[in-house]
Amino acid sequence: TEMNRTPLKELLIERASEFKRDRIHAAFVLHKAEILEAINEGWSVHSVWKTLVDAKKINMSYQAFSRLVKRAKNGVDLRISTIIPSSSSGFTMDATPDKNKLY
């Protein structure tokens, strides 16, 4: 699990998106295996959250953290690729109006 803590991955997560929600999800995904392992060993969700916040590994509210833990336990796909949309949305901007589509 040391691979999950590489500085490169931490930097990628910081740059993952300009939206705080995406960074929160990405930080959770980075530590997901350790989080679930600790909880399965009997540590409380609150203890795990507090430890990660104090260590500056995550920056999210307890409510957001516990919601992500619940989703992870229920098998919801939390991979970064499913959380952060790709830059190509398929939308292309055409500022020239189509006169046939105007009223």
N, C-alpha and C. Protein backbone atom coordinates (compact mmCIF):
# COMPACT_ATOMS: atom_id res chain seq x y z
N THR A 1 0.81 -1.21 0.00
CA THR A 1 0.00 0.00 0.00
C THR A 1 0.84 1.26 0.00
N GLU A 2 2.16 1.13 0.13
CA GLU A 2 3.03 2.30 0.09
C GLU A 2 2.89 3.01 -1.26
N MET A 3 2.62 2.25 -2.31
CA MET A 3 2.45 2.84 -3.64
C MET A 3 1.31 3.85 -3.65
N ASN A 4 0.29 3.64 -2.83
CA ASN A 4 -0.85 4.54 -2.79
C ASN A 4 -0.51 5.91 -2.22
N ARG A 5 0.65 6.06 -1.58
CA ARG A 5 1.01 7.31 -0.93
C ARG A 5 2.11 8.06 -1.67
N THR A 6 2.33 7.77 -2.92
CA THR A 6 3.41 8.42 -3.64
C THR A 6 3.12 9.91 -3.80
N PRO A 7 4.16 10.72 -3.76
CA PRO A 7 3.96 12.16 -3.96
C PRO A 7 3.31 12.46 -5.31
N LEU A 8 3.61 11.67 -6.33
CA LEU A 8 3.01 11.90 -7.64
C LEU A 8 1.50 11.78 -7.58
N LYS A 9 1.00 10.73 -6.95
CA LYS A 9 -0.45 10.56 -6.85
C LYS A 9 -1.08 11.69 -6.05
N GLU A 10 -0.41 12.13 -5.00
CA GLU A 10 -0.93 13.24 -4.20
C GLU A 10 -1.02 14.50 -5.07
N LEU A 11 0.00 14.76 -5.88
CA LEU A 11 -0.01 15.93 -6.76
C LEU A 11 -1.11 15.81 -7.83
N LEU A 12 -1.27 14.61 -8.36
CA LEU A 12 -2.31 14.40 -9.37
C LEU A 12 -3.69 14.68 -8.79
N ILE A 13 -3.89 14.27 -7.56
CA ILE A 13 -5.18 14.50 -6.93
C ILE A 13 -5.42 15.98 -6.72
N GLU A 14 -4.38 16.70 -6.28
CA GLU A 14 -4.52 18.14 -6.08
C GLU A 14 -4.91 18.84 -7.37
N ARG A 15 -4.38 18.35 -8.48
CA ARG A 15 -4.66 18.99 -9.77
C ARG A 15 -5.84 18.35 -10.49
N ALA A 16 -6.45 17.35 -9.88
CA ALA A 16 -7.50 16.57 -10.54
C ALA A 16 -8.63 17.44 -11.04
N SER A 17 -8.99 18.41 -10.30
CA SER A 17 -10.12 19.23 -10.69
C SER A 17 -10.11 20.52 -9.91
N GLU A 18 -10.75 21.51 -10.45
CA GLU A 18 -10.87 22.78 -9.73
C GLU A 18 -12.00 22.71 -8.71
N PHE A 19 -12.76 21.66 -8.72
CA PHE A 19 -13.89 21.54 -7.81
C PHE A 19 -13.49 20.79 -6.55
N LYS A 20 -13.79 21.35 -5.40
CA LYS A 20 -13.42 20.75 -4.12
C LYS A 20 -14.00 19.35 -3.98
N ARG A 21 -15.23 19.15 -4.44
CA ARG A 21 -15.86 17.84 -4.32
C ARG A 21 -15.03 16.75 -5.00
N ASP A 22 -14.49 17.05 -6.16
CA ASP A 22 -13.68 16.07 -6.88
C ASP A 22 -12.39 15.77 -6.14
N ARG A 23 -11.76 16.79 -5.56
CA ARG A 23 -10.54 16.57 -4.79
C ARG A 23 -10.82 15.73 -3.55
N ILE A 24 -11.96 15.98 -2.91
CA ILE A 24 -12.35 15.20 -1.74
C ILE A 24 -12.51 13.73 -2.11
N HIS A 25 -13.23 13.47 -3.20
CA HIS A 25 -13.43 12.10 -3.65
C HIS A 25 -12.09 11.45 -4.00
N ALA A 26 -11.25 12.18 -4.71
CA ALA A 26 -9.97 11.61 -5.13
C ALA A 26 -9.10 11.29 -3.92
N ALA A 27 -9.09 12.16 -2.90
CA ALA A 27 -8.31 11.88 -1.69
C ALA A 27 -8.84 10.65 -0.98
N PHE A 28 -10.15 10.49 -0.96
CA PHE A 28 -10.73 9.30 -0.33
C PHE A 28 -10.30 8.05 -1.09
N VAL A 29 -10.38 8.11 -2.41
CA VAL A 29 -10.01 6.94 -3.23
C VAL A 29 -8.54 6.57 -2.98
N LEU A 30 -7.69 7.58 -2.84
CA LEU A 30 -6.27 7.32 -2.61
C LEU A 30 -6.06 6.49 -1.35
N HIS A 31 -6.84 6.73 -0.32
CA HIS A 31 -6.67 6.06 0.96
C HIS A 31 -7.75 5.00 1.24
N LYS A 32 -8.57 4.71 0.25
CA LYS A 32 -9.73 3.83 0.45
C LYS A 32 -9.37 2.48 1.04
N ALA A 33 -8.35 1.82 0.51
CA ALA A 33 -7.99 0.48 0.99
C ALA A 33 -7.60 0.53 2.47
N GLU A 34 -6.81 1.51 2.84
CA GLU A 34 -6.40 1.65 4.25
C GLU A 34 -7.58 1.98 5.15
N ILE A 35 -8.46 2.84 4.65
CA ILE A 35 -9.64 3.24 5.43
C ILE A 35 -10.51 2.03 5.72
N LEU A 36 -10.85 1.27 4.68
CA LEU A 36 -11.72 0.11 4.86
C LEU A 36 -11.05 -0.97 5.71
N GLU A 37 -9.74 -1.13 5.55
CA GLU A 37 -9.02 -2.10 6.35
C GLU A 37 -9.09 -1.74 7.83
N ALA A 38 -8.87 -0.46 8.15
CA ALA A 38 -8.91 -0.02 9.55
C ALA A 38 -10.31 -0.21 10.14
N ILE A 39 -11.33 0.12 9.37
CA ILE A 39 -12.71 -0.02 9.85
C ILE A 39 -13.04 -1.50 10.05
N ASN A 40 -12.61 -2.34 9.12
CA ASN A 40 -12.85 -3.78 9.25
C ASN A 40 -12.11 -4.38 10.43
N GLU A 41 -11.02 -3.75 10.86
CA GLU A 41 -10.27 -4.22 12.03
C GLU A 41 -10.89 -3.72 13.34
N GLY A 42 -11.93 -2.90 13.24
CA GLY A 42 -12.62 -2.47 14.45
C GLY A 42 -12.49 -1.01 14.81
N TRP A 43 -11.69 -0.25 14.07
CA TRP A 43 -11.58 1.18 14.35
C TRP A 43 -12.86 1.87 13.93
N SER A 44 -13.28 2.87 14.68
CA SER A 44 -14.50 3.59 14.33
C SER A 44 -14.26 4.49 13.12
N VAL A 45 -15.32 4.75 12.38
CA VAL A 45 -15.23 5.64 11.22
C VAL A 45 -14.72 7.01 11.68
N HIS A 46 -15.22 7.47 12.82
CA HIS A 46 -14.81 8.77 13.32
C HIS A 46 -13.32 8.80 13.65
N SER A 47 -12.80 7.75 14.26
CA SER A 47 -11.37 7.69 14.59
C SER A 47 -10.50 7.71 13.34
N VAL A 48 -10.92 6.98 12.34
CA VAL A 48 -10.17 6.94 11.08
C VAL A 48 -10.19 8.33 10.44
N TRP A 49 -11.38 8.95 10.38
CA TRP A 49 -11.50 10.29 9.80
C TRP A 49 -10.63 11.29 10.53
N LYS A 50 -10.71 11.31 11.85
CA LYS A 50 -9.96 12.27 12.66
C LYS A 50 -8.46 12.09 12.46
N THR A 51 -8.00 10.84 12.41
CA THR A 51 -6.58 10.57 12.21
C THR A 51 -6.11 11.08 10.85
N LEU A 52 -6.89 10.84 9.80
CA LEU A 52 -6.51 11.30 8.46
C LEU A 52 -6.55 12.81 8.35
N VAL A 53 -7.52 13.45 8.98
CA VAL A 53 -7.59 14.91 8.97
C VAL A 53 -6.40 15.50 9.71
N ASP A 54 -6.11 14.97 10.89
CA ASP A 54 -4.98 15.47 11.68
C ASP A 54 -3.65 15.30 10.96
N ALA A 55 -3.54 14.21 10.18
CA ALA A 55 -2.31 13.95 9.41
C ALA A 55 -2.30 14.71 8.09
N LYS A 56 -3.36 15.50 7.84
CA LYS A 56 -3.51 16.28 6.61
C LYS A 56 -3.50 15.42 5.34
N LYS A 57 -4.04 14.21 5.48
CA LYS A 57 -4.17 13.32 4.32
C LYS A 57 -5.49 13.55 3.59
N ILE A 58 -6.51 14.00 4.33
CA ILE A 58 -7.79 14.35 3.73
C ILE A 58 -8.23 15.68 4.32
N ASN A 59 -9.12 16.36 3.60
CA ASN A 59 -9.66 17.62 4.06
C ASN A 59 -11.15 17.64 3.72
N MET A 60 -11.92 16.97 4.56
CA MET A 60 -13.37 16.90 4.32
C MET A 60 -14.08 16.79 5.65
N SER A 61 -15.35 17.10 5.63
CA SER A 61 -16.16 16.99 6.84
C SER A 61 -16.35 15.52 7.20
N TYR A 62 -16.70 15.29 8.45
CA TYR A 62 -16.99 13.93 8.89
C TYR A 62 -18.19 13.37 8.12
N GLN A 63 -19.18 14.22 7.86
CA GLN A 63 -20.37 13.77 7.14
C GLN A 63 -20.01 13.28 5.75
N ALA A 64 -19.17 14.03 5.04
CA ALA A 64 -18.76 13.62 3.69
C ALA A 64 -17.95 12.32 3.75
N PHE A 65 -17.06 12.22 4.73
CA PHE A 65 -16.24 11.03 4.89
C PHE A 65 -17.10 9.80 5.17
N SER A 66 -18.03 9.93 6.12
CA SER A 66 -18.86 8.77 6.47
C SER A 66 -19.76 8.36 5.31
N ARG A 67 -20.20 9.33 4.51
CA ARG A 67 -21.01 9.02 3.33
C ARG A 67 -20.17 8.23 2.31
N LEU A 68 -18.93 8.63 2.11
CA LEU A 68 -18.06 7.90 1.18
C LEU A 68 -17.72 6.51 1.71
N VAL A 69 -17.52 6.38 3.01
CA VAL A 69 -17.27 5.05 3.61
C VAL A 69 -18.47 4.15 3.35
N LYS A 70 -19.66 4.66 3.57
CA LYS A 70 -20.87 3.87 3.36
C LYS A 70 -20.98 3.43 1.91
N ARG A 71 -20.71 4.36 0.98
CA ARG A 71 -20.77 4.02 -0.44
C ARG A 71 -19.72 2.96 -0.79
N ALA A 72 -18.52 3.10 -0.24
CA ALA A 72 -17.45 2.13 -0.52
C ALA A 72 -17.82 0.75 0.03
N LYS A 73 -18.40 0.71 1.22
CA LYS A 73 -18.81 -0.57 1.80
C LYS A 73 -19.93 -1.22 1.00
N ASN A 74 -20.77 -0.42 0.37
CA ASN A 74 -21.89 -0.95 -0.42
C ASN A 74 -21.50 -1.28 -1.85
N GLY A 75 -20.21 -1.16 -2.16
CA GLY A 75 -19.73 -1.56 -3.48
C GLY A 75 -19.90 -0.53 -4.57
N VAL A 76 -20.18 0.72 -4.21
CA VAL A 76 -20.31 1.77 -5.23
C VAL A 76 -18.93 2.04 -5.82
N ASP A 77 -18.87 2.16 -7.14
CA ASP A 77 -17.61 2.39 -7.83
C ASP A 77 -17.10 3.79 -7.52
N LEU A 78 -15.99 3.88 -6.81
CA LEU A 78 -15.43 5.17 -6.42
C LEU A 78 -14.11 5.45 -7.11
N ARG A 79 -13.81 4.73 -8.19
CA ARG A 79 -12.55 4.98 -8.88
C ARG A 79 -12.51 6.42 -9.38
N ILE A 80 -11.31 6.98 -9.41
CA ILE A 80 -11.14 8.37 -9.82
C ILE A 80 -11.70 8.60 -11.21
N SER A 81 -11.53 7.65 -12.12
CA SER A 81 -12.01 7.84 -13.49
C SER A 81 -13.53 7.95 -13.55
N THR A 82 -14.24 7.44 -12.55
CA THR A 82 -15.70 7.57 -12.56
C THR A 82 -16.16 8.80 -11.81
N ILE A 83 -15.26 9.43 -11.06
CA ILE A 83 -15.62 10.60 -10.27
C ILE A 83 -15.31 11.88 -11.02
N ILE A 84 -14.14 11.94 -11.62
CA ILE A 84 -13.71 13.16 -12.30
C ILE A 84 -13.97 12.98 -13.79
N PRO A 85 -14.84 13.80 -14.35
CA PRO A 85 -15.16 13.65 -15.77
C PRO A 85 -13.95 13.97 -16.65
N SER A 86 -13.89 13.30 -17.78
CA SER A 86 -12.80 13.59 -18.70
C SER A 86 -13.00 14.97 -19.30
N SER A 87 -11.93 15.54 -19.82
CA SER A 87 -12.00 16.90 -20.33
C SER A 87 -12.78 16.99 -21.63
N SER A 88 -12.93 15.90 -22.34
CA SER A 88 -13.68 15.93 -23.58
C SER A 88 -15.12 15.49 -23.32
N SER A 89 -16.01 16.46 -23.29
CA SER A 89 -17.40 16.16 -22.98
C SER A 89 -18.23 15.86 -24.22
N GLY A 90 -17.64 16.06 -25.40
CA GLY A 90 -18.40 15.85 -26.61
C GLY A 90 -19.12 17.10 -27.06
N PHE A 91 -19.06 18.14 -26.27
CA PHE A 91 -19.71 19.40 -26.60
C PHE A 91 -18.73 20.29 -27.35
N THR A 92 -19.19 20.87 -28.45
CA THR A 92 -18.38 21.85 -29.16
C THR A 92 -19.19 23.13 -29.30
N MET A 93 -18.54 24.22 -29.02
CA MET A 93 -19.21 25.52 -29.05
C MET A 93 -19.15 26.08 -30.46
N ASP A 94 -20.31 26.45 -30.98
CA ASP A 94 -20.39 27.11 -32.28
C ASP A 94 -21.16 28.39 -32.06
N ALA A 95 -20.44 29.51 -32.07
CA ALA A 95 -21.05 30.80 -31.77
C ALA A 95 -21.89 31.35 -32.93
N THR A 96 -21.79 30.74 -34.10
CA THR A 96 -22.57 31.20 -35.25
C THR A 96 -23.94 30.56 -35.22
N PRO A 97 -25.00 31.35 -35.11
CA PRO A 97 -26.34 30.76 -35.05
C PRO A 97 -26.75 30.14 -36.39
N ASP A 98 -27.52 29.07 -36.31
CA ASP A 98 -28.06 28.41 -37.50
C ASP A 98 -29.41 29.06 -37.78
N LYS A 99 -29.51 29.80 -38.86
CA LYS A 99 -30.74 30.55 -39.17
C LYS A 99 -31.94 29.63 -39.37
N ASN A 100 -31.70 28.38 -39.75
CA ASN A 100 -32.80 27.44 -39.93
C ASN A 100 -33.39 26.98 -38.59
N LYS A 101 -32.61 27.08 -37.51
CA LYS A 101 -33.08 26.64 -36.21
C LYS A 101 -33.66 27.78 -35.38
N LEU A 102 -33.56 29.00 -35.89
CA LEU A 102 -34.13 30.15 -35.19
C LEU A 102 -35.62 30.27 -35.51
N TYR A 103 -36.38 30.88 -34.64
CA TYR A 103 -37.82 31.03 -34.89
C TYR A 103 -38.07 31.92 -36.04
